[in-house]
Protein backbone atom coordinates (compact mmCIF):
# COMPACT_ATOMS: atom_id res chain seq x y z
CA MET A 1 -64.35 -3.62 35.55
CA SER A 2 -64.59 -6.89 33.58
CA ALA A 3 -61.56 -8.99 32.74
CA ASN A 4 -62.10 -8.17 29.04
CA ASN A 5 -62.04 -4.45 29.71
CA ILE A 6 -59.24 -3.94 32.22
CA GLU A 7 -58.50 -0.29 32.86
CA LEU A 8 -54.91 0.75 32.29
CA PRO A 9 -53.18 2.65 35.09
CA ILE A 10 -53.93 6.29 34.35
CA GLU A 11 -50.24 7.15 34.00
CA ARG A 12 -50.01 4.62 31.13
CA ASN A 13 -53.13 5.82 29.32
CA ALA A 14 -52.03 8.13 26.49
CA ASP A 15 -55.40 9.90 26.51
CA TYR A 16 -54.68 11.29 29.99
CA GLU A 17 -51.96 13.86 30.49
CA LEU A 18 -50.45 14.65 33.89
CA ILE A 19 -50.71 18.45 33.97
CA ASP A 20 -50.02 19.23 37.62
CA THR A 21 -49.09 17.75 40.98
CA TRP A 22 -50.22 19.23 44.29
CA GLN A 23 -48.38 18.39 47.47
CA SER A 24 -48.65 19.88 50.94
CA GLU A 25 -48.77 18.62 54.51
CA PRO A 26 -52.55 18.86 55.06
CA LEU A 27 -53.48 17.78 51.54
CA GLY A 28 -50.93 15.08 50.79
CA ARG A 29 -50.03 14.31 47.19
CA VAL A 30 -52.61 14.69 44.42
CA GLU A 31 -52.01 14.31 40.68
CA VAL A 32 -54.11 16.29 38.19
CA TYR A 33 -54.83 14.61 34.85
CA LEU A 34 -56.57 15.98 31.78
CA ASN A 35 -58.21 14.09 28.94
CA ARG A 36 -58.13 16.76 26.23
CA LYS A 37 -60.40 14.82 23.87
CA ARG A 38 -63.19 14.76 26.48
CA ASN A 39 -62.15 17.94 28.31
CA GLN A 40 -62.23 15.81 31.46
CA TYR A 41 -60.18 16.64 34.53
CA VAL A 42 -59.41 13.86 37.03
CA LEU A 43 -57.69 13.99 40.40
CA HIS A 44 -55.67 10.89 41.33
CA LYS A 45 -54.77 10.17 44.93
CA LYS A 46 -53.08 7.19 46.54
CA PHE A 47 -54.39 7.00 50.10
CA GLU A 48 -52.22 4.10 51.33
CA LEU A 49 -54.63 3.74 54.23
CA SER A 50 -52.87 0.87 55.98
CA ALA A 51 -49.28 2.10 55.68
CA ARG A 52 -49.89 5.80 56.28
CA PHE A 53 -52.98 5.85 58.52
CA GLY A 54 -52.79 2.43 60.15
CA ALA A 55 -56.34 1.71 58.97
CA SER A 56 -57.75 -1.76 59.54
CA PRO A 57 -60.08 -3.44 56.99
CA ALA A 58 -63.09 -2.49 59.17
CA GLU A 59 -61.93 1.12 59.30
CA MET A 60 -61.42 1.18 55.52
CA LEU A 61 -65.00 -0.04 55.13
CA GLY A 62 -66.22 2.68 57.49
CA LEU A 63 -64.35 5.29 55.46
CA GLU A 64 -65.77 3.95 52.20
CA GLN A 65 -69.31 4.08 53.58
CA ARG A 66 -68.88 7.72 54.54
CA ILE A 67 -67.55 8.64 51.10
CA ARG A 68 -70.40 6.83 49.35
CA GLU A 69 -73.00 8.63 51.52
CA LEU A 70 -71.86 12.07 50.36
CA PRO A 71 -74.51 13.90 48.29
CA GLU A 72 -74.20 14.51 44.56
CA GLU A 73 -73.32 18.15 45.28
CA VAL A 74 -69.90 16.89 46.42
CA THR A 75 -67.43 15.78 43.73
CA LEU A 76 -67.62 12.08 42.97
CA ALA A 77 -64.96 9.64 44.13
CA SER A 78 -64.43 6.42 42.19
CA ALA A 79 -62.01 3.52 41.93
CA SER A 80 -62.07 4.03 38.13
CA TYR A 81 -61.09 7.15 36.21
CA SER A 82 -62.95 6.31 33.00
CA LYS A 83 -66.32 5.04 34.22
CA TYR A 84 -68.09 5.14 37.58
CA ASP A 85 -69.18 1.71 38.79
CA HIS A 86 -71.13 1.76 42.05
CA SER A 87 -70.58 -1.98 42.54
CA GLN A 88 -66.80 -1.54 42.47
CA PRO A 89 -65.29 -1.23 45.99
CA LEU A 90 -63.42 1.99 46.70
CA PHE A 91 -60.88 0.45 49.06
CA SER A 92 -59.42 -3.00 49.56
CA SER A 93 -57.12 -4.19 52.33
CA ASP A 94 -55.25 -6.18 49.63
CA ASP A 95 -54.41 -2.98 47.73
CA GLN A 96 -51.53 -1.05 49.25
CA ASP A 97 -52.13 2.09 47.17
CA ASN A 98 -55.88 2.48 47.77
CA SER A 99 -56.05 4.76 44.73
CA LEU A 100 -59.12 6.88 44.11
CA PHE A 101 -60.09 9.22 41.30
CA LEU A 102 -62.16 12.33 41.88
CA ASP A 103 -64.00 14.69 39.57
CA TYR A 104 -62.41 18.09 39.08
CA SER A 105 -62.75 21.27 37.06
CA SER A 106 -60.38 24.11 36.23
CA GLN A 107 -63.32 26.49 36.76
CA ASN A 108 -64.38 27.51 40.23
CA LEU A 109 -66.50 30.19 41.87
CA ARG A 110 -63.49 32.26 42.89
CA LYS A 111 -62.38 32.63 39.27
CA GLU A 112 -65.92 33.55 38.22
CA VAL A 113 -66.31 36.15 40.98
CA LEU A 114 -62.95 37.77 40.21
CA LYS A 115 -63.73 37.78 36.47
CA ARG A 116 -67.00 39.60 37.16
CA LYS A 117 -65.25 42.05 39.48
CA GLN A 118 -62.56 42.84 36.91
CA ALA A 119 -65.27 43.46 34.29
CA GLY A 120 -67.15 45.74 36.69
CA GLN A 121 -70.06 43.31 36.85
CA LYS A 122 -71.98 42.02 39.85
CA MET A 123 -73.20 38.54 40.61
CA SER A 124 -76.96 38.62 40.12
CA GLU A 125 -79.40 38.26 42.97
CA SER A 126 -80.53 34.87 41.65
CA GLU A 127 -76.93 33.68 41.42
CA SER A 128 -76.21 34.82 44.97
CA LEU A 129 -79.32 33.17 46.35
CA GLY A 130 -78.60 30.03 44.33
CA CYS A 131 -75.19 29.81 45.98
CA PHE A 132 -76.77 30.38 49.39
CA GLY A 133 -79.31 27.61 48.80
CA PHE A 134 -76.57 25.25 47.64
CA LEU A 135 -74.49 25.86 50.78
CA LEU A 136 -77.52 25.70 53.06
CA GLY A 137 -78.57 22.35 51.66
CA LEU A 138 -75.09 20.90 51.98
CA GLY A 139 -74.79 22.12 55.55
CA SER A 140 -78.12 20.56 56.47
CA PHE A 141 -77.13 17.21 54.95
CA MET A 142 -73.77 17.13 56.67
CA GLU A 143 -75.28 18.11 60.00
CA GLN A 144 -77.67 15.18 59.79
CA GLY A 145 -75.19 12.70 58.33
CA LEU A 146 -72.25 13.12 60.74
CA GLU A 147 -70.25 14.77 57.97
CA PHE A 148 -68.50 18.13 57.72
CA HIS A 149 -66.16 20.09 55.47
CA ARG A 150 -63.32 22.21 56.85
CA SER A 151 -62.44 24.01 53.61
CA VAL A 152 -65.61 25.60 52.26
CA CYS A 153 -64.39 28.51 50.13
CA LEU A 154 -64.86 29.92 46.64
CA LYS A 155 -61.83 28.05 45.29
CA ASN A 156 -63.30 24.71 46.40
CA LEU A 157 -66.70 25.45 44.89
CA LEU A 158 -66.11 24.00 41.44
CA ILE A 159 -68.18 24.63 38.33
CA ILE A 160 -68.67 21.31 36.54
CA ASP A 161 -70.98 21.16 33.52
CA GLY A 162 -72.49 24.46 34.60
CA GLN A 163 -73.32 23.20 38.10
CA LEU A 164 -71.75 23.96 41.47
CA GLN A 165 -69.98 21.10 43.23
CA LEU A 166 -67.98 21.21 46.44
CA THR A 167 -64.57 19.57 46.34
CA ASN A 168 -64.69 16.20 48.09
CA PRO A 169 -63.27 16.67 51.62
CA TYR A 170 -61.66 13.22 51.52
CA ILE A 171 -59.12 14.49 48.98
CA SER A 172 -57.24 15.81 52.02
CA ASP A 173 -54.92 13.67 54.14
CA SER A 174 -55.75 15.72 57.22
CA HIS A 175 -59.48 15.13 56.74
CA VAL A 176 -59.03 11.37 56.30
CA GLY A 177 -56.83 11.15 59.38
CA LEU A 178 -59.20 13.27 61.47
CA VAL A 179 -62.28 11.25 60.47
CA LEU A 180 -60.53 7.97 61.27
CA ARG A 181 -59.27 9.21 64.64
CA ASP A 182 -62.25 11.20 65.88
CA PHE A 183 -65.26 9.47 64.34
CA ILE A 184 -64.74 6.04 62.77
CA ARG A 185 -62.56 4.49 65.48
CA PRO A 186 -64.58 5.85 68.44
CA ALA A 187 -67.84 4.72 66.82
CA GLN A 188 -66.55 1.23 66.05
CA ALA A 189 -65.24 0.91 69.62
CA LEU A 190 -68.80 1.35 70.90
CA GLU A 191 -69.74 -2.02 69.35
CA ASN A 192 -73.30 -2.84 70.46
CA ILE A 193 -74.19 0.79 71.19
CA TRP A 194 -73.36 2.27 67.78
CA THR A 195 -75.57 1.26 64.84
CA PRO A 196 -75.31 2.08 61.10
CA GLU A 197 -78.52 4.15 61.35
CA MET A 198 -76.81 6.58 63.70
CA VAL A 199 -74.48 7.71 60.91
CA VAL A 200 -77.37 9.28 58.97
CA ASP A 201 -79.81 10.15 61.79
CA ASP A 202 -78.83 13.09 63.98
CA ARG A 203 -81.93 12.72 66.16
CA LEU A 204 -81.07 9.10 66.93
CA ARG A 205 -77.51 10.10 67.79
CA ALA A 206 -78.81 12.80 70.11
CA GLU A 207 -81.17 10.36 71.83
CA VAL A 208 -78.44 7.76 72.37
CA GLY A 209 -76.10 10.53 73.51
CA LYS A 210 -78.40 11.27 76.43
CA GLN A 211 -77.50 7.88 77.86
CA ASN A 212 -73.92 7.45 76.60
CA VAL A 213 -71.15 9.93 77.30
CA GLN A 214 -68.95 8.76 74.38
CA VAL A 215 -71.75 9.31 71.86
CA ARG A 216 -72.53 12.67 73.45
CA GLN A 217 -68.88 13.74 73.10
CA LEU A 218 -68.82 12.60 69.48
CA ASN A 219 -71.99 14.63 68.81
CA GLU A 220 -70.50 17.73 70.43
CA LEU A 221 -67.32 17.45 68.37
CA HIS A 222 -69.33 17.06 65.19
CA ARG A 223 -71.46 20.10 66.00
CA ALA A 224 -68.30 22.17 66.47
CA TYR A 225 -67.06 21.22 62.99
CA VAL A 226 -70.49 21.92 61.47
CA ARG A 227 -70.67 25.33 63.17
CA GLN A 228 -67.35 26.28 61.60
CA MET A 229 -68.58 25.00 58.24
CA HIS A 230 -71.62 27.28 58.55
CA VAL A 231 -69.32 30.25 59.24
CA ASP A 232 -67.19 29.42 56.19
CA SER A 233 -70.32 29.01 54.05
CA CYS A 234 -71.63 32.41 55.13
CA LEU A 235 -68.32 34.04 54.20
CA ALA A 236 -68.38 32.34 50.80
CA PHE A 237 -71.93 33.56 50.24
CA LEU A 238 -71.00 37.09 51.33
CA ALA A 239 -68.12 37.06 48.84
CA VAL A 240 -70.46 36.04 46.02
CA ALA A 241 -73.10 38.59 47.03
CA THR A 242 -70.53 41.41 47.10
CA THR A 243 -68.43 40.13 44.17
CA GLN A 244 -65.23 39.87 46.19
CA ASP A 245 -62.53 37.34 46.93
CA ASP A 246 -63.51 35.54 50.14
CA GLY A 247 -59.89 35.77 51.30
CA ILE A 248 -60.46 39.38 52.39
CA PHE A 249 -62.81 38.16 55.11
CA LEU A 250 -60.05 36.25 56.91
CA ASN A 251 -57.06 37.50 58.86
CA SER A 252 -53.60 36.01 58.31
CA ASN A 253 -54.22 33.56 61.19
CA GLY A 254 -57.44 32.28 59.61
CA ASP A 255 -59.81 34.06 61.99
CA PRO A 256 -62.67 36.14 60.53
CA ASN A 257 -61.77 39.73 59.65
CA LYS A 258 -64.64 41.44 61.44
CA THR A 259 -63.90 44.84 59.92
CA ALA A 260 -64.02 43.56 56.34
CA ILE A 261 -67.14 41.51 57.07
CA SER A 262 -68.92 44.46 58.69
CA THR A 263 -68.03 46.74 55.78
CA ALA A 264 -69.29 44.22 53.22
CA LEU A 265 -72.54 43.73 55.13
CA LYS A 266 -73.17 47.48 55.24
CA VAL A 267 -72.42 47.91 51.55
CA LYS A 268 -74.68 45.03 50.57
CA ALA A 269 -77.49 46.20 52.81
CA TYR A 270 -77.28 49.63 51.14
CA LEU A 271 -77.18 48.26 47.61
CA HIS A 272 -80.27 46.12 48.22
CA LYS A 273 -82.20 48.56 50.37
CA GLY A 274 -85.89 48.07 49.74
CA ASN A 275 -85.44 44.78 47.91
CA ARG A 276 -87.02 41.54 49.09
CA TRP A 277 -83.80 40.14 50.49
CA LYS A 278 -80.90 41.43 52.54
CA ILE A 279 -77.87 39.89 54.10
């Protein structure tokens, strides 16, 4: 942002109205702003990486690199709320707040599914398969790029300008803390062994892991998170395909509800008997 066009703090910009505040232990504090003139929703989060996470400048850089590597199917994170500038750093060790702004929408796949269900309508086959392809592509990218998402669900599948986008996982305090502890710090401690290419190349990580136990352990941990992401993605797809809230497929402790899943699979297999695709 040039000196002649300094961006006001969002709370002082009259075009942006604070309409909600979310706060919980895993999420942290997130403010929801709305620009009614542009019908633009923005999430504002102060990460306070040094004070709250003990992050060093090198660790902040590692975190920024991971956020920038996320695909366009994940909601955009920016240091500016009014205009995305790729050259603008996301984090600075001189900034205590480490504020970021993330794209958001009041519309999500859960609302759409429940609206269809209430109207007695089904999600079409093309819509279901489109959702499946979206989730499959994201899973493949994150598996290769040492990324993962622990909250894949209909509510976090936003509809922005008619397109699906997954809520950025780094909106969550627990995700930021976990990534710093389990991935960024261990990788940076490997010094000459770990290279930037290993972040985006799963085959290279696997090859190095054959010779290095720390890299092998990091790979195994990542695979465990990705496996759970695949399970969550399948449940989200099943909910879309059967026009149901994905919450019915989980028990109160968060484990899969095998009875509900089995019932939904049987119903869907019956409804699409003889068609070119089945669950």
